[in-house]
C-alpha atoms as a PDB file:
ATOM      1  CA  MET A   1      66.805  86.157 106.811  1.00  0.00           C
ATOM      2  CA  LYS A   2      65.189  89.580 107.090  1.00  0.00           C
ATOM      3  CA  THR A   3      66.121  89.714 110.784  1.00  0.00           C
ATOM      4  CA  VAL A   4      69.766  89.072 109.916  1.00  0.00           C
ATOM      5  CA  LEU A   5      69.643  91.761 107.229  1.00  0.00           C
ATOM      6  CA  TRP A   6      68.260  94.402 109.574  1.00  0.00           C
ATOM      7  CA  SER A   7      70.615  93.362 112.376  1.00  0.00           C
ATOM      8  CA  ILE A   8      73.603  93.834 110.080  1.00  0.00           C
ATOM      9  CA  THR A   9      72.130  97.151 108.931  1.00  0.00           C
ATOM     10  CA  ALA A  10      71.795  98.302 112.547  1.00  0.00           C
ATOM     11  CA  VAL A  11      75.398  97.336 113.354  1.00  0.00           C
ATOM     12  CA  LEU A  12      76.708  99.104 110.251  1.00  0.00           C
ATOM     13  CA  GLY A  13      74.617 102.152 111.114  1.00  0.00           C
ATOM     14  CA  LEU A  14      76.076 102.219 114.625  1.00  0.00           C
ATOM     15  CA  LEU A  15      79.627 101.880 113.302  1.00  0.00           C
ATOM     16  CA  TRP A  16      79.024 104.665 110.777  1.00  0.00           C
ATOM     17  CA  SER A  17      77.496 106.899 113.455  1.00  0.00           C
ATOM     18  CA  GLY A  18      80.425 106.243 115.784  1.00  0.00           C
ATOM     19  CA  ALA A  19      82.965 107.094 113.108  1.00  0.00           C
ATOM     20  CA  VAL A  20      81.219 110.363 112.284  1.00  0.00           C
ATOM     21  CA  ALA A  21      80.826 111.199 115.982  1.00  0.00           C
ATOM     22  CA  LEU A  22      84.546 110.605 116.462  1.00  0.00           C
ATOM     23  CA  ALA A  23      85.367 112.840 113.503  1.00  0.00           C
ATOM     24  CA  HIS A  24      82.994 115.522 114.810  1.00  0.00           C
ATOM     25  CA  SER A  25      84.586 115.298 118.255  1.00  0.00           C
ATOM     26  CA  LEU A  26      88.013 115.746 116.690  1.00  0.00           C
ATOM     27  CA  ALA A  27      86.796 118.703 114.619  1.00  0.00           C
ATOM     28  CA  ALA A  28      85.260 120.387 117.659  1.00  0.00           C
ATOM     29  CA  TRP A  29      88.417 119.823 119.666  1.00  0.00           C
ATOM     30  CA  ALA A  30      90.556 121.143 116.793  1.00  0.00           C
ATOM     31  CA  ALA A  31      88.338 124.233 116.572  1.00  0.00           C
ATOM     32  CA  THR A  32      89.004 125.133 120.188  1.00  0.00           C
ATOM     33  CA  ALA A  33      92.692 124.238 119.871  1.00  0.00           C
ATOM     34  CA  ALA A  34      93.118 126.266 116.684  1.00  0.00           C
ATOM     35  CA  GLY A  35      91.910 129.398 118.421  1.00  0.00           C
ATOM     36  CA  THR A  36      94.291 129.010 121.356  1.00  0.00           C
ATOM     37  CA  ALA A  37      97.484 127.604 119.875  1.00  0.00           C
ATOM     38  CA  ASP A  38      99.960 128.371 117.184  1.00  0.00           C
ATOM     39  CA  ALA A  39     100.564 125.918 114.362  1.00  0.00           C
ATOM     40  CA  GLN A  40     103.462 124.057 115.981  1.00  0.00           C
ATOM     41  CA  THR A  41     101.690 123.386 119.267  1.00  0.00           C
ATOM     42  CA  LEU A  42      98.506 122.436 117.404  1.00  0.00           C
ATOM     43  CA  ALA A  43     100.363 119.562 115.732  1.00  0.00           C
ATOM     44  CA  ALA A  44     101.641 118.392 119.116  1.00  0.00           C
ATOM     45  CA  MET A  45      98.159 118.735 120.630  1.00  0.00           C
ATOM     46  CA  LEU A  46      96.672 116.566 117.875  1.00  0.00           C
ATOM     47  CA  ARG A  47      99.225 113.869 118.637  1.00  0.00           C
ATOM     48  CA  ASP A  48      98.258 113.977 122.324  1.00  0.00           C
ATOM     49  CA  TRP A  49      94.516 114.379 121.735  1.00  0.00           C
ATOM     50  CA  PRO A  50      92.537 112.735 124.552  1.00  0.00           C
ATOM     51  CA  LEU A  51      90.384 110.058 122.989  1.00  0.00           C
ATOM     52  CA  PRO A  52      86.717 110.004 124.013  1.00  0.00           C
ATOM     53  CA  ALA A  53      85.849 107.785 126.987  1.00  0.00           C
ATOM     54  CA  TRP A  54      83.571 105.610 124.862  1.00  0.00           C
ATOM     55  CA  LEU A  55      86.649 104.344 122.968  1.00  0.00           C
ATOM     56  CA  ALA A  56      87.993 102.569 126.082  1.00  0.00           C
ATOM     57  CA  TRP A  57      87.018  99.191 124.617  1.00  0.00           C
ATOM     58  CA  ALA A  58      89.273  99.647 121.567  1.00  0.00           C
ATOM     59  CA  ASP A  59      92.586  97.897 121.040  1.00  0.00           C
ATOM     60  CA  PRO A  60      95.525 100.014 122.348  1.00  0.00           C
ATOM     61  CA  ALA A  61      97.536  99.307 119.189  1.00  0.00           C
ATOM     62  CA  MET A  62      94.684 100.633 117.064  1.00  0.00           C
ATOM     63  CA  LEU A  63      94.474 103.745 119.239  1.00  0.00           C
ATOM     64  CA  GLU A  64      98.215 104.289 118.880  1.00  0.00           C
ATOM     65  CA  SER A  65      97.821 104.046 115.093  1.00  0.00           C
ATOM     66  CA  LEU A  66      95.050 106.621 115.366  1.00  0.00           C
ATOM     67  CA  ARG A  67      97.366 108.903 117.335  1.00  0.00           C
ATOM     68  CA  MET A  68     100.078 108.547 114.670  1.00  0.00           C
ATOM     69  CA  ALA A  69      97.546 109.395 111.964  1.00  0.00           C
ATOM     70  CA  LEU A  70      96.513 112.450 113.973  1.00  0.00           C
ATOM     71  CA  SER A  71     100.148 113.486 114.158  1.00  0.00           C
ATOM     72  CA  ALA A  72     100.336 113.317 110.369  1.00  0.00           C
ATOM     73  CA  VAL A  73      97.137 115.357 110.163  1.00  0.00           C
ATOM     74  CA  GLY A  74      98.757 117.858 112.517  1.00  0.00           C
ATOM     75  CA  THR A  75     101.659 118.283 110.130  1.00  0.00           C
ATOM     76  CA  GLY A  76      99.184 119.052 107.370  1.00  0.00           C
ATOM     77  CA  LEU A  77      97.406 121.505 109.633  1.00  0.00           C
ATOM     78  CA  VAL A  78     100.661 123.348 110.236  1.00  0.00           C
ATOM     79  CA  LEU A  79     100.826 124.048 106.515  1.00  0.00           C
ATOM     80  CA  SER A  80      97.156 124.986 106.208  1.00  0.00           C
ATOM     81  CA  GLN A  81      96.669 126.831 109.505  1.00  0.00           C
ATOM     82  CA  PRO A  82      95.704 130.206 107.994  1.00  0.00           C
ATOM     83  CA  TRP A  83      92.430 128.918 106.534  1.00  0.00           C
ATOM     84  CA  ILE A  84      91.637 126.180 109.088  1.00  0.00           C
ATOM     85  CA  ALA A  85      89.880 128.577 111.467  1.00  0.00           C
ATOM     86  CA  THR A  86      87.341 129.522 108.803  1.00  0.00           C
ATOM     87  CA  ALA A  87      86.888 125.926 107.680  1.00  0.00           C
ATOM     88  CA  ILE A  88      86.125 124.654 111.188  1.00  0.00           C
ATOM     89  CA  GLY A  89      82.786 126.465 111.180  1.00  0.00           C
ATOM     90  CA  TRP A  90      81.377 124.336 108.374  1.00  0.00           C
ATOM     91  CA  ILE A  91      83.187 121.045 109.003  1.00  0.00           C
ATOM     92  CA  GLY A  92      80.801 119.967 111.789  1.00  0.00           C
ATOM     93  CA  PRO A  93      77.599 120.452 109.774  1.00  0.00           C
ATOM     94  CA  ALA A  94      79.271 118.932 106.700  1.00  0.00           C
ATOM     95  CA  LEU A  95      80.192 115.831 108.694  1.00  0.00           C
ATOM     96  CA  TRP A  96      76.600 115.349 109.826  1.00  0.00           C
ATOM     97  CA  LEU A  97      75.384 115.883 106.262  1.00  0.00           C
ATOM     98  CA  VAL A  98      77.748 113.129 105.119  1.00  0.00           C
ATOM     99  CA  TRP A  99      76.437 110.987 108.010  1.00  0.00           C
ATOM    100  CA  ALA A 100      72.829 111.542 106.903  1.00  0.00           C
ATOM    101  CA  LEU A 101      73.669 110.662 103.304  1.00  0.00           C
ATOM    102  CA  GLY A 102      75.488 107.516 104.455  1.00  0.00           C
ATOM    103  CA  ILE A 103      72.587 106.414 106.658  1.00  0.00           C
ATOM    104  CA  ALA A 104      70.109 107.119 103.843  1.00  0.00           C
ATOM    105  CA  LEU A 105      72.189 105.019 101.444  1.00  0.00           C
ATOM    106  CA  LEU A 106      72.492 102.224 104.013  1.00  0.00           C
ATOM    107  CA  LEU A 107      68.723 102.203 104.611  1.00  0.00           C
ATOM    108  CA  ALA A 108      67.989 102.312 100.878  1.00  0.00           C
ATOM    109  CA  LEU A 109      70.267  99.338 100.214  1.00  0.00           C
ATOM    110  CA  ALA A 110      68.781  97.422 103.150  1.00  0.00           C
ATOM    111  CA  SER A 111      65.246  98.166 101.928  1.00  0.00           C
ATOM    112  CA  ILE A 112      66.089  96.921  98.433  1.00  0.00           C
ATOM    113  CA  ALA A 113      67.622  93.781  99.922  1.00  0.00           C
ATOM    114  CA  HIS A 114      64.512  93.339 102.091  1.00  0.00           C
ATOM    115  CA  LEU A 115      62.259  93.518  99.026  1.00  0.00           C
ATOM    116  CA  LEU A 116      64.470  91.096  97.103  1.00  0.00           C
ATOM    117  CA  ILE A 117      64.423  88.627  99.980  1.00  0.00           C
ATOM    118  CA  HIS A 118      60.653  88.925 100.139  1.00  0.00           C
ATOM    119  CA  ARG A 119      60.217  88.397  96.380  1.00  0.00           C
ATOM    120  CA  LEU A 120      62.739  85.584  96.034  1.00  0.00           C
ATOM    121  CA  ALA A 121      61.659  83.648  99.125  1.00  0.00           C
ATOM    122  CA  PRO A 122      59.686  80.512  98.287  1.00  0.00           C
ATOM    123  CA  ARG A 123      55.977  80.759  99.042  1.00  0.00           C
ATOM    124  CA  PRO A 124      54.727  78.188 101.583  1.00  0.00           C
ATOM    125  CA  SER A 125      51.705  77.300  99.433  1.00  0.00           C
ATOM    126  CA  LEU A 126      53.887  76.714  96.374  1.00  0.00           C
ATOM    127  CA  VAL A 127      56.382  74.636  98.330  1.00  0.00           C
ATOM    128  CA  HIS A 128      53.596  72.551  99.847  1.00  0.00           C
ATOM    129  CA  ALA A 129      51.933  72.048  96.461  1.00  0.00           C
ATOM    130  CA  ALA A 130      55.233  71.052  94.879  1.00  0.00           C
ATOM    131  CA  THR A 131      56.073  68.514  97.580  1.00  0.00           C
ATOM    132  CA  GLY A 132      52.491  67.298  97.904  1.00  0.00           C
ATOM    133  CA  GLY A 133      52.301  66.450  94.223  1.00  0.00           C
ATOM    134  CA  ALA A 134      55.559  64.479  94.415  1.00  0.00           C
ATOM    135  CA  ASN A 135      54.321  62.279  97.282  1.00  0.00           C
ATOM    136  CA  ARG A 136      51.241  61.022  95.424  1.00  0.00           C
END
């Protein structure tokens, strides 16, 4: 049971890390695009953002939904373009801080579950004594 718990924890940790890495990649790309493009072309560039190569396994329909969401984000960026250049500098570190807090929470919950599994699991000596007494 503990192996299953830690396997699920590892998978969730990888998914969380991938999501934050994707967001960081988008933020880094937007930082370079914000310095070289005006607001209108930035929205178009977000819609056509080249997805990282490690997303090749993903469903094309899901990626198209992601592109549409990026287009909506681009529209918001058009309205907030004056302050986006200053915000980009702290978005990357903030994303990794959120990642660290998420991983810490995930590990804390998994550790609590590990302890509960350990405490609630039947002891072999108690199980043997209980069944041994019933057979006599």
